[in-house]
């Protein structure tokens, strides 16, 4: 499992198992995510195999899950990723700036509409 780099875009954190096609491998780079994911698997009585691998000088937490549990595990996976995701815009001032610019654009659009009637 030493090649878990998912590429530049990093769209998913799961792939088919390289040697056992009945399993899917879910992987996390943050230990807190893997701990939460593991807790949720155990809470839902889902069988898994666990391992830790080194990838580019960092740890990768690996979970082997049966594909028959895929629908339920995908929901747990998305919940886990959502719980620990970073905000798109981290600074509050930048968030408010984007909102303010959106409001200004809407106001100008409305004024332009009525002016051209």
C-alpha atoms as a PDB file:
ATOM      1  CA  UNK A   1       0.000   0.000   0.000  1.00  0.00           C
ATOM      2  CA  UNK A   2       2.932   2.316  -0.336  1.00  0.00           C
ATOM      3  CA  UNK A   3       1.501   4.290  -3.259  1.00  0.00           C
ATOM      4  CA  UNK A   4      -1.546   5.988  -1.732  1.00  0.00           C
ATOM      5  CA  UNK A   5      -0.790   9.416  -3.202  1.00  0.00           C
ATOM      6  CA  UNK A   6      -4.042  10.386  -4.877  1.00  0.00           C
ATOM      7  CA  UNK A   7      -2.550  13.026  -7.134  1.00  0.00           C
ATOM      8  CA  UNK A   8      -2.737  16.768  -7.388  1.00  0.00           C
ATOM      9  CA  UNK A   9      -6.506  17.257  -7.069  1.00  0.00           C
ATOM     10  CA  UNK A  10      -7.088  14.828  -4.175  1.00  0.00           C
ATOM     11  CA  UNK A  11     -10.745  14.336  -5.035  1.00  0.00           C
ATOM     12  CA  UNK A  12     -11.282  11.195  -2.967  1.00  0.00           C
ATOM     13  CA  UNK A  13      -9.666   9.442  -0.059  1.00  0.00           C
ATOM     14  CA  UNK A  14     -10.542   5.899  -1.119  1.00  0.00           C
ATOM     15  CA  UNK A  15      -9.426   3.457  -3.779  1.00  0.00           C
ATOM     16  CA  UNK A  16      -9.891  -0.175  -4.672  1.00  0.00           C
ATOM     17  CA  UNK A  17      -7.647  -2.484  -2.688  1.00  0.00           C
ATOM     18  CA  UNK A  18      -4.551  -3.261  -4.797  1.00  0.00           C
ATOM     19  CA  UNK A  19      -4.627  -7.038  -4.140  1.00  0.00           C
ATOM     20  CA  UNK A  20      -8.148  -7.899  -2.933  1.00  0.00           C
ATOM     21  CA  UNK A  21     -10.924  -6.636  -5.219  1.00  0.00           C
ATOM     22  CA  UNK A  22     -13.561  -7.362  -2.565  1.00  0.00           C
ATOM     23  CA  UNK A  23     -12.166  -4.515  -0.451  1.00  0.00           C
ATOM     24  CA  UNK A  24     -11.852  -0.760  -0.745  1.00  0.00           C
ATOM     25  CA  UNK A  25      -9.101   1.190   1.024  1.00  0.00           C
ATOM     26  CA  UNK A  26      -9.955   4.451   2.779  1.00  0.00           C
ATOM     27  CA  UNK A  27      -7.019   6.610   3.821  1.00  0.00           C
ATOM     28  CA  UNK A  28      -6.503   9.649   6.014  1.00  0.00           C
ATOM     29  CA  UNK A  29      -3.469  11.850   6.608  1.00  0.00           C
ATOM     30  CA  UNK A  30      -4.739  13.312   9.886  1.00  0.00           C
ATOM     31  CA  UNK A  31      -4.743  11.056  12.912  1.00  0.00           C
ATOM     32  CA  UNK A  32      -7.794  12.766  14.411  1.00  0.00           C
ATOM     33  CA  UNK A  33      -9.790  11.932  11.274  1.00  0.00           C
ATOM     34  CA  UNK A  34      -8.704   8.298  11.380  1.00  0.00           C
ATOM     35  CA  UNK A  35      -9.623   8.005  15.067  1.00  0.00           C
ATOM     36  CA  UNK A  36     -13.108   9.410  14.421  1.00  0.00           C
ATOM     37  CA  UNK A  37     -13.573   7.205  11.336  1.00  0.00           C
ATOM     38  CA  UNK A  38     -12.534   4.135  13.345  1.00  0.00           C
ATOM     39  CA  UNK A  39     -14.960   5.032  16.149  1.00  0.00           C
ATOM     40  CA  UNK A  40     -17.818   5.405  13.678  1.00  0.00           C
ATOM     41  CA  UNK A  41     -17.008   2.061  12.018  1.00  0.00           C
ATOM     42  CA  UNK A  42     -17.026   0.345  15.396  1.00  0.00           C
ATOM     43  CA  UNK A  43     -20.218   2.117  16.451  1.00  0.00           C
ATOM     44  CA  UNK A  44     -21.911   0.779  13.295  1.00  0.00           C
ATOM     45  CA  UNK A  45     -20.393  -2.726  13.726  1.00  0.00           C
ATOM     46  CA  UNK A  46     -18.555  -2.575  10.385  1.00  0.00           C
ATOM     47  CA  UNK A  47     -15.603  -4.921   9.950  1.00  0.00           C
ATOM     48  CA  UNK A  48     -12.368  -3.248   8.898  1.00  0.00           C
ATOM     49  CA  UNK A  49      -8.649  -3.861   8.697  1.00  0.00           C
ATOM     50  CA  UNK A  50      -6.366  -1.076   9.864  1.00  0.00           C
ATOM     51  CA  UNK A  51      -2.782  -0.161   9.034  1.00  0.00           C
ATOM     52  CA  UNK A  52      -0.386   2.766   9.102  1.00  0.00           C
ATOM     53  CA  UNK A  53       1.981   3.484   6.226  1.00  0.00           C
ATOM     54  CA  UNK A  54       4.627   6.127   5.569  1.00  0.00           C
ATOM     55  CA  UNK A  55       4.096   8.180   2.403  1.00  0.00           C
ATOM     56  CA  UNK A  56       6.421  11.085   1.541  1.00  0.00           C
ATOM     57  CA  UNK A  57       7.652  11.348   5.148  1.00  0.00           C
ATOM     58  CA  UNK A  58       4.158  11.451   6.635  1.00  0.00           C
ATOM     59  CA  UNK A  59       1.835   8.867   8.087  1.00  0.00           C
ATOM     60  CA  UNK A  60      -1.097   7.513   6.151  1.00  0.00           C
ATOM     61  CA  UNK A  61      -3.848   5.797   8.152  1.00  0.00           C
ATOM     62  CA  UNK A  62      -5.376   2.997   6.082  1.00  0.00           C
ATOM     63  CA  UNK A  63      -8.693   1.191   6.483  1.00  0.00           C
ATOM     64  CA  UNK A  64      -9.611  -1.870   4.455  1.00  0.00           C
ATOM     65  CA  UNK A  65     -13.409  -2.096   4.134  1.00  0.00           C
ATOM     66  CA  UNK A  66     -15.504  -4.769   2.432  1.00  0.00           C
ATOM     67  CA  UNK A  67     -17.232  -3.410  -0.676  1.00  0.00           C
ATOM     68  CA  UNK A  68     -20.494  -4.901   0.583  1.00  0.00           C
ATOM     69  CA  UNK A  69     -20.422  -2.189   3.292  1.00  0.00           C
ATOM     70  CA  UNK A  70     -19.509   0.546   0.806  1.00  0.00           C
ATOM     71  CA  UNK A  71     -22.735   2.606   0.919  1.00  0.00           C
ATOM     72  CA  UNK A  72     -22.733   2.843   4.707  1.00  0.00           C
ATOM     73  CA  UNK A  73     -18.976   3.481   4.888  1.00  0.00           C
ATOM     74  CA  UNK A  74     -19.138   6.243   2.272  1.00  0.00           C
ATOM     75  CA  UNK A  75     -21.652   8.070   4.451  1.00  0.00           C
ATOM     76  CA  UNK A  76     -19.358   7.678   7.470  1.00  0.00           C
ATOM     77  CA  UNK A  77     -16.413   8.838   5.362  1.00  0.00           C
ATOM     78  CA  UNK A  78     -18.180  11.998   4.178  1.00  0.00           C
ATOM     79  CA  UNK A  79     -19.300  12.742   7.735  1.00  0.00           C
ATOM     80  CA  UNK A  80     -15.708  12.355   8.907  1.00  0.00           C
ATOM     81  CA  UNK A  81     -14.311  14.589   6.178  1.00  0.00           C
ATOM     82  CA  UNK A  82     -16.978  17.219   6.851  1.00  0.00           C
ATOM     83  CA  UNK A  83     -16.350  17.222  10.576  1.00  0.00           C
ATOM     84  CA  UNK A  84     -12.649  17.979  10.141  1.00  0.00           C
ATOM     85  CA  UNK A  85     -12.642  20.054   6.962  1.00  0.00           C
ATOM     86  CA  UNK A  86     -10.947  23.426   6.806  1.00  0.00           C
ATOM     87  CA  UNK A  87     -13.115  26.399   5.871  1.00  0.00           C
ATOM     88  CA  UNK A  88     -12.826  27.587   2.266  1.00  0.00           C
ATOM     89  CA  UNK A  89     -12.062  31.104   3.502  1.00  0.00           C
ATOM     90  CA  UNK A  90     -10.451  31.012   6.936  1.00  0.00           C
ATOM     91  CA  UNK A  91     -10.294  34.687   7.894  1.00  0.00           C
ATOM     92  CA  UNK A  92     -13.570  36.209   9.096  1.00  0.00           C
ATOM     93  CA  UNK A  93     -12.797  39.554   7.448  1.00  0.00           C
ATOM     94  CA  UNK A  94     -12.374  37.803   4.094  1.00  0.00           C
ATOM     95  CA  UNK A  95     -15.667  35.933   4.553  1.00  0.00           C
ATOM     96  CA  UNK A  96     -17.481  39.204   5.221  1.00  0.00           C
ATOM     97  CA  UNK A  97     -15.720  40.859   2.277  1.00  0.00           C
ATOM     98  CA  UNK A  98     -16.996  38.170  -0.096  1.00  0.00           C
ATOM     99  CA  UNK A  99     -20.530  38.529   1.300  1.00  0.00           C
ATOM    100  CA  UNK A 100     -20.370  42.332   0.996  1.00  0.00           C
ATOM    101  CA  UNK A 101     -19.113  42.129  -2.598  1.00  0.00           C
ATOM    102  CA  UNK A 102     -21.957  39.734  -3.432  1.00  0.00           C
ATOM    103  CA  UNK A 103     -24.524  42.126  -1.979  1.00  0.00           C
ATOM    104  CA  UNK A 104     -23.003  45.071  -3.884  1.00  0.00           C
ATOM    105  CA  UNK A 105     -23.138  43.098  -7.154  1.00  0.00           C
ATOM    106  CA  UNK A 106     -26.805  42.233  -6.546  1.00  0.00           C
ATOM    107  CA  UNK A 107     -27.665  45.875  -5.771  1.00  0.00           C
ATOM    108  CA  UNK A 108     -25.927  47.106  -8.937  1.00  0.00           C
ATOM    109  CA  UNK A 109     -27.693  44.411 -10.954  1.00  0.00           C
ATOM    110  CA  UNK A 110     -31.101  45.464  -9.639  1.00  0.00           C
ATOM    111  CA  UNK A 111     -30.359  49.172 -10.278  1.00  0.00           C
ATOM    112  CA  UNK A 112     -29.125  48.367 -13.786  1.00  0.00           C
ATOM    113  CA  UNK A 113     -32.246  46.326 -14.520  1.00  0.00           C
ATOM    114  CA  UNK A 114     -34.597  49.122 -13.487  1.00  0.00           C
ATOM    115  CA  UNK A 115     -32.534  51.819 -15.211  1.00  0.00           C
ATOM    116  CA  UNK A 116     -32.699  49.940 -18.534  1.00  0.00           C
ATOM    117  CA  UNK A 117     -36.481  49.394 -18.394  1.00  0.00           C
END
